Amino acid sequence: MFTHINFQSIGVLDQHRALAFYRDRLGLEVERDAPCEPGFRWIFLKIPGASPLIHFARRASGARNDKPDLVRVTPDVDAACETLKSRGVAKSPEDAVWNPGTSRAIFHDTENNMILIQTT
């Protein structure tokens, strides 16, 4: 029936701030950046080598999310955390309580979205 996920929307208050965070700190690439309405743009980002896109959607409030808005998978959470620390996203990995042997790290972006990185 379905073949893949095209994009996942992440709510943001400030597109410029979010773009800088996801591009410069998380290493995503801009796939599309086009005007859509006054004061807002269609911004789609991609993980290099992956097909699903991340889209910035207008967010109504700045309340911190306590559930993951984005989950990224990496074979080496320790190395990913070291890279993120060098880019100003300080977080140390820990064991995932729901799955022994899975390493994970949780942090929030500039828009208070929760991001989880984990091993497969």
PDB file of N, CA and C in Angstrom:
ATOM      1  N   MET A   1       0.818  -1.183   0.000  1.00  0.00           N
ATOM      2  CA  MET A   1       0.000   0.000   0.000  1.00  0.00           C
ATOM      3  C   MET A   1       0.868   1.255   0.000  1.00  0.00           C
ATOM      4  N   PHE A   2       1.693   1.466   1.036  1.00  0.00           N
ATOM      5  CA  PHE A   2       2.566   2.633   1.124  1.00  0.00           C
ATOM      6  C   PHE A   2       3.985   2.217   0.771  1.00  0.00           C
ATOM      7  N   THR A   3       4.750   3.138   0.234  1.00  0.00           N
ATOM      8  CA  THR A   3       6.119   2.804  -0.162  1.00  0.00           C
ATOM      9  C   THR A   3       7.180   3.463   0.709  1.00  0.00           C
ATOM     10  N   HIS A   4       6.892   4.648   1.258  1.00  0.00           N
ATOM     11  CA  HIS A   4       7.879   5.323   2.093  1.00  0.00           C
ATOM     12  C   HIS A   4       7.260   6.572   2.713  1.00  0.00           C
ATOM     13  N   ILE A   5       7.999   7.201   3.606  1.00  0.00           N
ATOM     14  CA  ILE A   5       7.577   8.470   4.189  1.00  0.00           C
ATOM     15  C   ILE A   5       8.218   9.577   3.369  1.00  0.00           C
ATOM     16  N   ASN A   6       7.412  10.522   2.892  1.00  0.00           N
ATOM     17  CA  ASN A   6       7.928  11.644   2.114  1.00  0.00           C
ATOM     18  C   ASN A   6       8.566  12.678   3.028  1.00  0.00           C
ATOM     19  N   PHE A   7       7.811  13.158   4.039  1.00  0.00           N
ATOM     20  CA  PHE A   7       8.379  14.114   4.978  1.00  0.00           C
ATOM     21  C   PHE A   7       7.679  14.036   6.319  1.00  0.00           C
ATOM     22  N   GLN A   8       8.379  14.555   7.329  1.00  0.00           N
ATOM     23  CA  GLN A   8       7.855  14.686   8.685  1.00  0.00           C
ATOM     24  C   GLN A   8       7.923  16.155   9.050  1.00  0.00           C
ATOM     25  N   SER A   9       6.819  16.719   9.520  1.00  0.00           N
ATOM     26  CA  SER A   9       6.812  18.120   9.929  1.00  0.00           C
ATOM     27  C   SER A   9       7.255  18.265  11.371  1.00  0.00           C
ATOM     28  N   ILE A  10       8.036  19.295  11.623  1.00  0.00           N
ATOM     29  CA  ILE A  10       8.482  19.657  12.960  1.00  0.00           C
ATOM     30  C   ILE A  10       8.068  21.107  13.184  1.00  0.00           C
ATOM     31  N   GLY A  11       7.363  21.346  14.275  1.00  0.00           N
ATOM     32  CA  GLY A  11       6.886  22.694  14.561  1.00  0.00           C
ATOM     33  C   GLY A  11       8.006  23.630  14.981  1.00  0.00           C
ATOM     34  N   VAL A  12       7.998  24.845  14.427  1.00  0.00           N
ATOM     35  CA  VAL A  12       9.006  25.839  14.776  1.00  0.00           C
ATOM     36  C   VAL A  12       8.351  27.203  14.964  1.00  0.00           C
ATOM     37  N   LEU A  13       8.947  28.005  15.822  1.00  0.00           N
ATOM     38  CA  LEU A  13       8.521  29.388  15.999  1.00  0.00           C
ATOM     39  C   LEU A  13       9.359  30.316  15.123  1.00  0.00           C
ATOM     40  N   ASP A  14      10.632  30.013  14.985  1.00  0.00           N
ATOM     41  CA  ASP A  14      11.563  30.856  14.246  1.00  0.00           C
ATOM     42  C   ASP A  14      12.281  29.998  13.202  1.00  0.00           C
ATOM     43  N   GLN A  15      11.893  30.137  11.937  1.00  0.00           N
ATOM     44  CA  GLN A  15      12.471  29.310  10.879  1.00  0.00           C
ATOM     45  C   GLN A  15      13.969  29.550  10.689  1.00  0.00           C
ATOM     46  N   HIS A  16      14.418  30.791  10.802  1.00  0.00           N
ATOM     47  CA  HIS A  16      15.838  31.091  10.626  1.00  0.00           C
ATOM     48  C   HIS A  16      16.670  30.394  11.706  1.00  0.00           C
ATOM     49  N   ARG A  17      16.217  30.478  12.936  1.00  0.00           N
ATOM     50  CA  ARG A  17      16.926  29.845  14.061  1.00  0.00           C
ATOM     51  C   ARG A  17      16.921  28.327  13.897  1.00  0.00           C
ATOM     52  N   ALA A  18      15.768  27.752  13.531  1.00  0.00           N
ATOM     53  CA  ALA A  18      15.659  26.304  13.347  1.00  0.00           C
ATOM     54  C   ALA A  18      16.534  25.833  12.187  1.00  0.00           C
ATOM     55  N   LEU A  19      16.528  26.585  11.098  1.00  0.00           N
ATOM     56  CA  LEU A  19      17.342  26.221   9.946  1.00  0.00           C
ATOM     57  C   LEU A  19      18.822  26.181  10.322  1.00  0.00           C
ATOM     58  N   ALA A  20      19.282  27.185  11.035  1.00  0.00           N
ATOM     59  CA  ALA A  20      20.682  27.202  11.455  1.00  0.00           C
ATOM     60  C   ALA A  20      21.003  25.992  12.332  1.00  0.00           C
ATOM     61  N   PHE A  21      20.112  25.623  13.237  1.00  0.00           N
ATOM     62  CA  PHE A  21      20.347  24.491  14.129  1.00  0.00           C
ATOM     63  C   PHE A  21      20.417  23.177  13.332  1.00  0.00           C
ATOM     64  N   TYR A  22      19.429  22.920  12.517  1.00  0.00           N
ATOM     65  CA  TYR A  22      19.364  21.638  11.805  1.00  0.00           C
ATOM     66  C   TYR A  22      20.433  21.524  10.721  1.00  0.00           C
ATOM     67  N   ARG A  23      20.756  22.625  10.073  1.00  0.00           N
ATOM     68  CA  ARG A  23      21.777  22.597   9.026  1.00  0.00           C
ATOM     69  C   ARG A  23      23.183  22.596   9.633  1.00  0.00           C
ATOM     70  N   ASP A  24      23.451  23.534  10.521  1.00  0.00           N
ATOM     71  CA  ASP A  24      24.815  23.734  11.016  1.00  0.00           C
ATOM     72  C   ASP A  24      25.207  22.813  12.157  1.00  0.00           C
ATOM     73  N   ARG A  25      24.267  22.448  12.995  1.00  0.00           N
ATOM     74  CA  ARG A  25      24.603  21.594  14.142  1.00  0.00           C
ATOM     75  C   ARG A  25      24.290  20.124  13.903  1.00  0.00           C
ATOM     76  N   LEU A  26      23.174  19.827  13.220  1.00  0.00           N
ATOM     77  CA  LEU A  26      22.824  18.426  12.987  1.00  0.00           C
ATOM     78  C   LEU A  26      23.293  17.908  11.630  1.00  0.00           C
ATOM     79  N   GLY A  27      23.735  18.807  10.753  1.00  0.00           N
ATOM     80  CA  GLY A  27      24.310  18.381   9.481  1.00  0.00           C
ATOM     81  C   GLY A  27      23.314  18.023   8.399  1.00  0.00           C
ATOM     82  N   LEU A  28      22.065  18.495   8.502  1.00  0.00           N
ATOM     83  CA  LEU A  28      21.096  18.234   7.453  1.00  0.00           C
ATOM     84  C   LEU A  28      21.312  19.195   6.296  1.00  0.00           C
ATOM     85  N   GLU A  29      20.852  18.789   5.118  1.00  0.00           N
ATOM     86  CA  GLU A  29      21.002  19.604   3.911  1.00  0.00           C
ATOM     87  C   GLU A  29      19.653  20.213   3.535  1.00  0.00           C
ATOM     88  N   VAL A  30      19.685  21.442   3.017  1.00  0.00           N
ATOM     89  CA  VAL A  30      18.461  22.088   2.551  1.00  0.00           C
ATOM     90  C   VAL A  30      18.084  21.464   1.207  1.00  0.00           C
ATOM     91  N   GLU A  31      16.898  20.891   1.147  1.00  0.00           N
ATOM     92  CA  GLU A  31      16.390  20.302  -0.095  1.00  0.00           C
ATOM     93  C   GLU A  31      15.561  21.325  -0.858  1.00  0.00           C
ATOM     94  N   ARG A  32      14.823  22.161  -0.098  1.00  0.00           N
ATOM     95  CA  ARG A  32      13.972  23.176  -0.715  1.00  0.00           C
ATOM     96  C   ARG A  32      13.741  24.309   0.267  1.00  0.00           C
ATOM     97  N   ASP A  33      13.778  25.515  -0.225  1.00  0.00           N
ATOM     98  CA  ASP A  33      13.498  26.705   0.579  1.00  0.00           C
ATOM     99  C   ASP A  33      12.777  27.678  -0.339  1.00  0.00           C
ATOM    100  N   ALA A  34      11.461  27.771  -0.193  1.00  0.00           N
ATOM    101  CA  ALA A  34      10.656  28.587  -1.102  1.00  0.00           C
ATOM    102  C   ALA A  34       9.604  29.358  -0.321  1.00  0.00           C
ATOM    103  N   PRO A  35       9.238  30.549  -0.820  1.00  0.00           N
ATOM    104  CA  PRO A  35       8.189  31.310  -0.137  1.00  0.00           C
ATOM    105  C   PRO A  35       6.854  30.581  -0.191  1.00  0.00           C
ATOM    106  N   CYS A  36       6.062  30.722   0.867  1.00  0.00           N
ATOM    107  CA  CYS A  36       4.729  30.110   0.831  1.00  0.00           C
ATOM    108  C   CYS A  36       3.651  31.083   1.267  1.00  0.00           C
ATOM    109  N   GLU A  37       3.925  31.914   2.245  1.00  0.00           N
ATOM    110  CA  GLU A  37       2.975  32.917   2.703  1.00  0.00           C
ATOM    111  C   GLU A  37       3.773  34.023   3.379  1.00  0.00           C
ATOM    112  N   PRO A  38       3.197  35.187   3.544  1.00  0.00           N
ATOM    113  CA  PRO A  38       3.974  36.271   4.166  1.00  0.00           C
ATOM    114  C   PRO A  38       4.553  35.862   5.521  1.00  0.00           C
ATOM    115  N   GLY A  39       5.865  36.033   5.665  1.00  0.00           N
ATOM    116  CA  GLY A  39       6.519  35.736   6.929  1.00  0.00           C
ATOM    117  C   GLY A  39       6.816  34.270   7.176  1.00  0.00           C
ATOM    118  N   PHE A  40       6.582  33.407   6.186  1.00  0.00           N
ATOM    119  CA  PHE A  40       6.836  31.984   6.377  1.00  0.00           C
ATOM    120  C   PHE A  40       7.265  31.380   5.041  1.00  0.00           C
ATOM    121  N   ARG A  41       8.144  30.343   5.120  1.00  0.00           N
ATOM    122  CA  ARG A  41       8.653  29.698   3.916  1.00  0.00           C
ATOM    123  C   ARG A  41       8.432  28.198   4.005  1.00  0.00           C
ATOM    124  N   TRP A  42       8.425  27.549   2.851  1.00  0.00           N
ATOM    125  CA  TRP A  42       8.443  26.091   2.801  1.00  0.00           C
ATOM    126  C   TRP A  42       9.903  25.691   2.867  1.00  0.00           C
ATOM    127  N   ILE A  43      10.327  25.138   3.996  1.00  0.00           N
ATOM    128  CA  ILE A  43      11.705  24.678   4.142  1.00  0.00           C
ATOM    129  C   ILE A  43      11.676  23.172   4.371  1.00  0.00           C
ATOM    130  N   PHE A  44      12.355  22.459   3.497  1.00  0.00           N
ATOM    131  CA  PHE A  44      12.497  21.014   3.621  1.00  0.00           C
ATOM    132  C   PHE A  44      13.984  20.700   3.731  1.00  0.00           C
ATOM    133  N   LEU A  45      14.335  19.846   4.664  1.00  0.00           N
ATOM    134  CA  LEU A  45      15.716  19.424   4.885  1.00  0.00           C
ATOM    135  C   LEU A  45      15.800  17.920   4.713  1.00  0.00           C
ATOM    136  N   LYS A  46      17.005  17.440   4.445  1.00  0.00           N
ATOM    137  CA  LYS A  46      17.186  15.995   4.330  1.00  0.00           C
ATOM    138  C   LYS A  46      18.473  15.565   5.010  1.00  0.00           C
ATOM    139  N   ILE A  47      18.458  14.350   5.489  1.00  0.00           N
ATOM    140  CA  ILE A  47      19.662  13.714   5.995  1.00  0.00           C
ATOM    141  C   ILE A  47      20.437  13.253   4.767  1.00  0.00           C
ATOM    142  N   PRO A  48      21.703  13.604   4.626  1.00  0.00           N
ATOM    143  CA  PRO A  48      22.455  13.168   3.445  1.00  0.00           C
ATOM    144  C   PRO A  48      22.346  11.659   3.239  1.00  0.00           C
ATOM    145  N   GLY A  49      21.953  11.271   2.042  1.00  0.00           N
ATOM    146  CA  GLY A  49      21.832   9.863   1.694  1.00  0.00           C
ATOM    147  C   GLY A  49      20.502   9.223   2.042  1.00  0.00           C
ATOM    148  N   ALA A  50      19.591   9.960   2.656  1.00  0.00           N
ATOM    149  CA  ALA A  50      18.285   9.408   3.032  1.00  0.00           C
ATOM    150  C   ALA A  50      17.188  10.080   2.216  1.00  0.00           C
ATOM    151  N   SER A  51      16.050   9.402   2.067  1.00  0.00           N
ATOM    152  CA  SER A  51      14.982   9.979   1.259  1.00  0.00           C
ATOM    153  C   SER A  51      13.927  10.764   2.036  1.00  0.00           C
ATOM    154  N   PRO A  52      13.559  10.402   3.271  1.00  0.00           N
ATOM    155  CA  PRO A  52      12.533  11.212   3.946  1.00  0.00           C
ATOM    156  C   PRO A  52      13.040  12.632   4.211  1.00  0.00           C
ATOM    157  N   LEU A  53      12.142  13.588   4.093  1.00  0.00           N
ATOM    158  CA  LEU A  53      12.467  14.987   4.321  1.00  0.00           C
ATOM    159  C   LEU A  53      11.912  15.441   5.669  1.00  0.00           C
ATOM    160  N   ILE A  54      12.486  16.506   6.189  1.00  0.00           N
ATOM    161  CA  ILE A  54      11.981  17.151   7.396  1.00  0.00           C
ATOM    162  C   ILE A  54      11.479  18.520   6.977  1.00  0.00           C
ATOM    163  N   HIS A  55      10.283  18.854   7.397  1.00  0.00           N
ATOM    164  CA  HIS A  55       9.629  20.098   7.011  1.00  0.00           C
ATOM    165  C   HIS A  55       9.383  20.940   8.248  1.00  0.00           C
ATOM    166  N   PHE A  56       9.652  22.239   8.165  1.00  0.00           N
ATOM    167  CA  PHE A  56       9.351  23.150   9.270  1.00  0.00           C
ATOM    168  C   PHE A  56       7.923  23.648   9.136  1.00  0.00           C
ATOM    169  N   ALA A  57       7.093  23.346  10.107  1.00  0.00           N
ATOM    170  CA  ALA A  57       5.702  23.800  10.143  1.00  0.00           C
ATOM    171  C   ALA A  57       5.569  24.901  11.181  1.00  0.00           C
ATOM    172  N   ARG A  58       4.631  25.793  10.966  1.00  0.00           N
ATOM    173  CA  ARG A  58       4.395  26.868  11.923  1.00  0.00           C
ATOM    174  C   ARG A  58       3.886  26.271  13.232  1.00  0.00           C
ATOM    175  N   ARG A  59       4.475  26.696  14.325  1.00  0.00           N
ATOM    176  CA  ARG A  59       4.125  26.191  15.653  1.00  0.00           C
ATOM    177  C   ARG A  59       3.418  27.287  16.442  1.00  0.00           C
ATOM    178  N   ALA A  60       2.369  26.913  17.167  1.00  0.00           N
ATOM    179  CA  ALA A  60       1.559  27.897  17.887  1.00  0.00           C
ATOM    180  C   ALA A  60       2.192  28.356  19.195  1.00  0.00           C
ATOM    181  N   SER A  61       2.931  27.475  19.864  1.00  0.00           N
ATOM    182  CA  SER A  61       3.502  27.869  21.148  1.00  0.00           C
ATOM    183  C   SER A  61       4.917  27.325  21.267  1.00  0.00           C
ATOM    184  N   GLY A  62       5.651  27.871  22.215  1.00  0.00           N
ATOM    185  CA  GLY A  62       7.027  27.449  22.426  1.00  0.00           C
ATOM    186  C   GLY A  62       7.205  26.454  23.544  1.00  0.00           C
ATOM    187  N   ALA A  63       6.125  25.822  23.991  1.00  0.00           N
ATOM    188  CA  ALA A  63       6.212  24.861  25.086  1.00  0.00           C
ATOM    189  C   ALA A  63       7.130  23.703  24.704  1.00  0.00           C
ATOM    190  N   ARG A  64       7.914  23.237  25.651  1.00  0.00           N
ATOM    191  CA  ARG A  64       8.860  22.143  25.415  1.00  0.00           C
ATOM    192  C   ARG A  64       8.106  20.826  25.271  1.00  0.00           C
ATOM    193  N   ASN A  65       8.429  20.089  24.210  1.00  0.00           N
ATOM    194  CA  ASN A  65       7.826  18.773  24.000  1.00  0.00           C
ATOM    195  C   ASN A  65       8.542  17.749  24.864  1.00  0.00           C
ATOM    196  N   ASP A  66       7.772  16.813  25.420  1.00  0.00           N
ATOM    197  CA  ASP A  66       8.368  15.783  26.263  1.00  0.00           C
ATOM    198  C   ASP A  66       8.331  14.411  25.594  1.00  0.00           C
ATOM    199  N   LYS A  67       7.968  14.376  24.322  1.00  0.00           N
ATOM    200  CA  LYS A  67       8.004  13.150  23.520  1.00  0.00           C
ATOM    201  C   LYS A  67       8.793  13.470  22.254  1.00  0.00           C
ATOM    202  N   PRO A  68       9.525  12.479  21.716  1.00  0.00           N
ATOM    203  CA  PRO A  68      10.359  12.771  20.548  1.00  0.00           C
ATOM    204  C   PRO A  68       9.555  13.255  19.342  1.00  0.00           C
ATOM    205  N   ASP A  69      10.031  14.344  18.752  1.00  0.00           N
ATOM    206  CA  ASP A  69       9.474  14.852  17.506  1.00  0.00           C
ATOM    207  C   ASP A  69      10.252  14.299  16.318  1.00  0.00           C
ATOM    208  N   LEU A  70      11.488  13.916  16.586  1.00  0.00           N
ATOM    209  CA  LEU A  70      12.361  13.400  15.542  1.00  0.00           C
ATOM    210  C   LEU A  70      13.256  12.342  16.168  1.00  0.00           C
ATOM    211  N   VAL A  71      13.353  11.191  15.506  1.00  0.00           N
ATOM    212  CA  VAL A  71      14.243  10.116  15.951  1.00  0.00           C
ATOM    213  C   VAL A  71      15.207   9.838  14.807  1.00  0.00           C
ATOM    214  N   ARG A  72      16.487   9.997  15.083  1.00  0.00           N
ATOM    215  CA  ARG A  72      17.527   9.707  14.094  1.00  0.00           C
ATOM    216  C   ARG A  72      18.296   8.483  14.544  1.00  0.00           C
ATOM    217  N   VAL A  73      18.683   7.658  13.585  1.00  0.00           N
ATOM    218  CA  VAL A  73      19.397   6.422  13.869  1.00  0.00           C
ATOM    219  C   VAL A  73      20.826   6.549  13.373  1.00  0.00           C
ATOM    220  N   THR A  74      21.744   6.068  14.181  1.00  0.00           N
ATOM    221  CA  THR A  74      23.167   6.072  13.833  1.00  0.00           C
ATOM    222  C   THR A  74      23.795   4.781  14.354  1.00  0.00           C
ATOM    223  N   PRO A  75      24.774   4.245  13.662  1.00  0.00           N
ATOM    224  CA  PRO A  75      25.424   3.039  14.175  1.00  0.00           C
ATOM    225  C   PRO A  75      26.315   3.315  15.381  1.00  0.00           C
ATOM    226  N   ASP A  76      26.687   4.588  15.605  1.00  0.00           N
ATOM    227  CA  ASP A  76      27.602   4.916  16.695  1.00  0.00           C
ATOM    228  C   ASP A  76      27.132   6.186  17.421  1.00  0.00           C
ATOM    229  N   VAL A  77      26.321   6.004  18.453  1.00  0.00           N
ATOM    230  CA  VAL A  77      25.781   7.132  19.214  1.00  0.00           C
ATOM    231  C   VAL A  77      26.904   7.902  19.910  1.00  0.00           C
ATOM    232  N   ASP A  78      27.921   7.201  20.398  1.00  0.00           N
ATOM    233  CA  ASP A  78      29.039   7.880  21.063  1.00  0.00           C
ATOM    234  C   ASP A  78      29.711   8.873  20.118  1.00  0.00           C
ATOM    235  N   ALA A  79      30.021   8.441  18.900  1.00  0.00           N
ATOM    236  CA  ALA A  79      30.667   9.323  17.926  1.00  0.00           C
ATOM    237  C   ALA A  79      29.740  10.470  17.539  1.00  0.00           C
ATOM    238  N   ALA A  80      28.452  10.185  17.358  1.00  0.00           N
ATOM    239  CA  ALA A  80      27.493  11.236  17.012  1.00  0.00           C
ATOM    240  C   ALA A  80      27.424  12.274  18.129  1.00  0.00           C
ATOM    241  N   CYS A  81      27.435  11.825  19.377  1.00  0.00           N
ATOM    242  CA  CYS A  81      27.384  12.756  20.506  1.00  0.00           C
ATOM    243  C   CYS A  81      28.638  13.618  20.569  1.00  0.00           C
ATOM    244  N   GLU A  82      29.794  13.050  20.268  1.00  0.00           N
ATOM    245  CA  GLU A  82      31.027  13.839  20.255  1.00  0.00           C
ATOM    246  C   GLU A  82      30.959  14.911  19.177  1.00  0.00           C
ATOM    247  N   THR A  83      30.452  14.548  17.998  1.00  0.00           N
ATOM    248  CA  THR A  83      30.296  15.533  16.925  1.00  0.00           C
ATOM    249  C   THR A  83      29.324  16.624  17.342  1.00  0.00           C
ATOM    250  N   LEU A  84      28.192  16.226  17.937  1.00  0.00           N
ATOM    251  CA  LEU A  84      27.200  17.213  18.373  1.00  0.00           C
ATOM    252  C   LEU A  84      27.767  18.127  19.461  1.00  0.00           C
ATOM    253  N   LYS A  85      28.549  17.569  20.379  1.00  0.00           N
ATOM    254  CA  LYS A  85      29.176  18.400  21.417  1.00  0.00           C
ATOM    255  C   LYS A  85      30.086  19.449  20.793  1.00  0.00           C
ATOM    256  N   SER A  86      30.822  19.076  19.750  1.00  0.00           N
ATOM    257  CA  SER A  86      31.723  20.023  19.088  1.00  0.00           C
ATOM    258  C   SER A  86      30.950  21.120  18.361  1.00  0.00           C
ATOM    259  N   ARG A  87      29.667  20.874  18.113  1.00  0.00           N
ATOM    260  CA  ARG A  87      28.813  21.861  17.443  1.00  0.00           C
ATOM    261  C   ARG A  87      27.901  22.599  18.425  1.00  0.00           C
ATOM    262  N   GLY A  88      28.148  22.419  19.712  1.00  0.00           N
ATOM    263  CA  GLY A  88      27.387  23.152  20.716  1.00  0.00           C
ATOM    264  C   GLY A  88      26.125  22.482  21.201  1.00  0.00           C
ATOM    265  N   VAL A  89      25.920  21.221  20.822  1.00  0.00           N
ATOM    266  CA  VAL A  89      24.766  20.463  21.309  1.00  0.00           C
ATOM    267  C   VAL A  89      25.313  19.446  22.305  1.00  0.00           C
ATOM    268  N   ALA A  90      25.383  19.853  23.565  1.00  0.00           N
ATOM    269  CA  ALA A  90      26.023  19.015  24.582  1.00  0.00           C
ATOM    270  C   ALA A  90      25.075  17.934  25.067  1.00  0.00           C
ATOM    271  N   LYS A  91      25.466  16.686  24.873  1.00  0.00           N
ATOM    272  CA  LYS A  91      24.669  15.558  25.360  1.00  0.00           C
ATOM    273  C   LYS A  91      25.552  14.330  25.398  1.00  0.00           C
ATOM    274  N   SER A  92      25.383  13.496  26.421  1.00  0.00           N
ATOM    275  CA  SER A  92      26.119  12.248  26.522  1.00  0.00           C
ATOM    276  C   SER A  92      25.162  11.085  26.303  1.00  0.00           C
ATOM    277  N   PRO A  93      25.636  10.030  25.666  1.00  0.00           N
ATOM    278  CA  PRO A  93      24.768   8.877  25.436  1.00  0.00           C
ATOM    279  C   PRO A  93      24.521   8.086  26.719  1.00  0.00           C
ATOM    280  N   GLU A  94      23.454   7.306  26.683  1.00  0.00           N
ATOM    281  CA  GLU A  94      23.105   6.427  27.808  1.00  0.00           C
ATOM    282  C   GLU A  94      22.405   5.201  27.239  1.00  0.00           C
ATOM    283  N   ASP A  95      22.258   4.176  28.062  1.00  0.00           N
ATOM    284  CA  ASP A  95      21.536   2.980  27.634  1.00  0.00           C
ATOM    285  C   ASP A  95      20.038   3.263  27.594  1.00  0.00           C
ATOM    286  N   ALA A  96      19.378   2.754  26.570  1.00  0.00           N
ATOM    287  CA  ALA A  96      17.932   2.922  26.439  1.00  0.00           C
ATOM    288  C   ALA A  96      17.231   1.944  27.380  1.00  0.00           C
ATOM    289  N   VAL A  97      16.356   2.456  28.225  1.00  0.00           N
ATOM    290  CA  VAL A  97      15.680   1.601  29.208  1.00  0.00           C
ATOM    291  C   VAL A  97      14.716   0.627  28.546  1.00  0.00           C
ATOM    292  N   TRP A  98      14.199   0.958  27.390  1.00  0.00           N
ATOM    293  CA  TRP A  98      13.206   0.112  26.732  1.00  0.00           C
ATOM    294  C   TRP A  98      13.821  -1.022  25.924  1.00  0.00           C
ATOM    295  N   ASN A  99      15.165  -0.968  25.674  1.00  0.00           N
ATOM    296  CA  ASN A  99      15.786  -2.002  24.857  1.00  0.00           C
ATOM    297  C   ASN A  99      17.256  -2.153  25.237  1.00  0.00           C
ATOM    298  N   PRO A 100      17.579  -3.139  26.090  1.00  0.00           N
ATOM    299  CA  PRO A 100      18.972  -3.343  26.478  1.00  0.00           C
ATOM    300  C   PRO A 100      19.869  -3.504  25.247  1.00  0.00           C
ATOM    301  N   GLY A 101      21.024  -2.849  25.278  1.00  0.00           N
ATOM    302  CA  GLY A 101      21.952  -2.912  24.160  1.00  0.00           C
ATOM    303  C   GLY A 101      21.794  -1.757  23.182  1.00  0.00           C
ATOM    304  N   THR A 102      20.728  -0.974  23.340  1.00  0.00           N
ATOM    305  CA  THR A 102      20.517   0.197  22.491  1.00  0.00           C
ATOM    306  C   THR A 102      21.050   1.422  23.220  1.00  0.00           C
ATOM    307  N   SER A 103      21.903   2.157  22.543  1.00  0.00           N
ATOM    308  CA  SER A 103      22.434   3.389  23.108  1.00  0.00           C
ATOM    309  C   SER A 103      21.621   4.544  22.545  1.00  0.00           C
ATOM    310  N   ARG A 104      21.425   5.583  23.373  1.00  0.00           N
ATOM    311  CA  ARG A 104      20.602   6.711  22.923  1.00  0.00           C
ATOM    312  C   ARG A 104      21.070   8.004  23.581  1.00  0.00           C
ATOM    313  N   ALA A 105      20.648   9.109  22.990  1.00  0.00           N
ATOM    314  CA  ALA A 105      20.846  10.432  23.569  1.00  0.00           C
ATOM    315  C   ALA A 105      19.624  11.262  23.208  1.00  0.00           C
ATOM    316  N   ILE A 106      19.171  12.056  24.146  1.00  0.00           N
ATOM    317  CA  ILE A 106      18.006  12.908  23.946  1.00  0.00           C
ATOM    318  C   ILE A 106      18.418  14.347  24.190  1.00  0.00           C
ATOM    319  N   PHE A 107      17.977  15.245  23.327  1.00  0.00           N
ATOM    320  CA  PHE A 107      18.224  16.677  23.492  1.00  0.00           C
ATOM    321  C   PHE A 107      17.088  17.449  22.837  1.00  0.00           C
ATOM    322  N   HIS A 108      17.059  18.741  23.049  1.00  0.00           N
ATOM    323  CA  HIS A 108      16.033  19.602  22.460  1.00  0.00           C
ATOM    324  C   HIS A 108      16.683  20.564  21.472  1.00  0.00           C
ATOM    325  N   ASP A 109      15.941  20.875  20.404  1.00  0.00           N
ATOM    326  CA  ASP A 109      16.435  21.842  19.432  1.00  0.00           C
ATOM    327  C   ASP A 109      16.135  23.262  19.905  1.00  0.00           C
ATOM    328  N   THR A 110      16.391  24.241  19.085  1.00  0.00           N
ATOM    329  CA  THR A 110      16.165  25.642  19.441  1.00  0.00           C
ATOM    330  C   THR A 110      14.683  25.987  19.572  1.00  0.00           C
ATOM    331  N   GLU A 111      13.807  25.104  19.085  1.00  0.00           N
ATOM    332  CA  GLU A 111      12.362  25.347  19.106  1.00  0.00           C
ATOM    333  C   GLU A 111      11.658  24.507  20.165  1.00  0.00           C
ATOM    334  N   ASN A 112      12.431  23.876  21.053  1.00  0.00           N
ATOM    335  CA  ASN A 112      11.937  23.018  22.134  1.00  0.00           C
ATOM    336  C   ASN A 112      11.358  21.689  21.663  1.00  0.00           C
ATOM    337  N   ASN A 113      11.721  21.249  20.456  1.00  0.00           N
ATOM    338  CA  ASN A 113      11.353  19.914  19.991  1.00  0.00           C
ATOM    339  C   ASN A 113      12.346  18.909  20.563  1.00  0.00           C
ATOM    340  N   MET A 114      11.849  17.758  20.999  1.00  0.00           N
ATOM    341  CA  MET A 114      12.733  16.712  21.511  1.00  0.00           C
ATOM    342  C   MET A 114      13.267  15.877  20.350  1.00  0.00           C
ATOM    343  N   ILE A 115      14.584  15.665  20.367  1.00  0.00           N
ATOM    344  CA  ILE A 115      15.251  14.851  19.345  1.00  0.00           C
ATOM    345  C   ILE A 115      15.920  13.678  20.055  1.00  0.00           C
ATOM    346  N   LEU A 116      15.707  12.501  19.523  1.00  0.00           N
ATOM    347  CA  LEU A 116      16.301  11.279  20.039  1.00  0.00           C
ATOM    348  C   LEU A 116      17.220  10.723  18.963  1.00  0.00           C
ATOM    349  N   ILE A 117      18.461  10.443  19.341  1.00  0.00           N
ATOM    350  CA  ILE A 117      19.330   9.687  18.434  1.00  0.00           C
ATOM    351  C   ILE A 117      19.606   8.351  19.117  1.00  0.00           C
ATOM    352  N   GLN A 118      19.648   7.304  18.325  1.00  0.00           N
ATOM    353  CA  GLN A 118      19.826   5.965  18.899  1.00  0.00           C
ATOM    354  C   GLN A 118      20.480   5.032  17.900  1.00  0.00           C
ATOM    355  N   THR A 119      21.008   3.927  18.428  1.00  0.00           N
ATOM    356  CA  THR A 119      21.513   2.882  17.566  1.00  0.00           C
ATOM    357  C   THR A 119      20.319   2.098  17.043  1.00  0.00           C
ATOM    358  N   THR A 120      20.560   1.300  16.033  1.00  0.00           N
ATOM    359  CA  THR A 120      19.477   0.519  15.427  1.00  0.00           C
ATOM    360  C   THR A 120      19.064  -0.633  16.296  1.00  0.00           C
TER     361      THR A 120
END
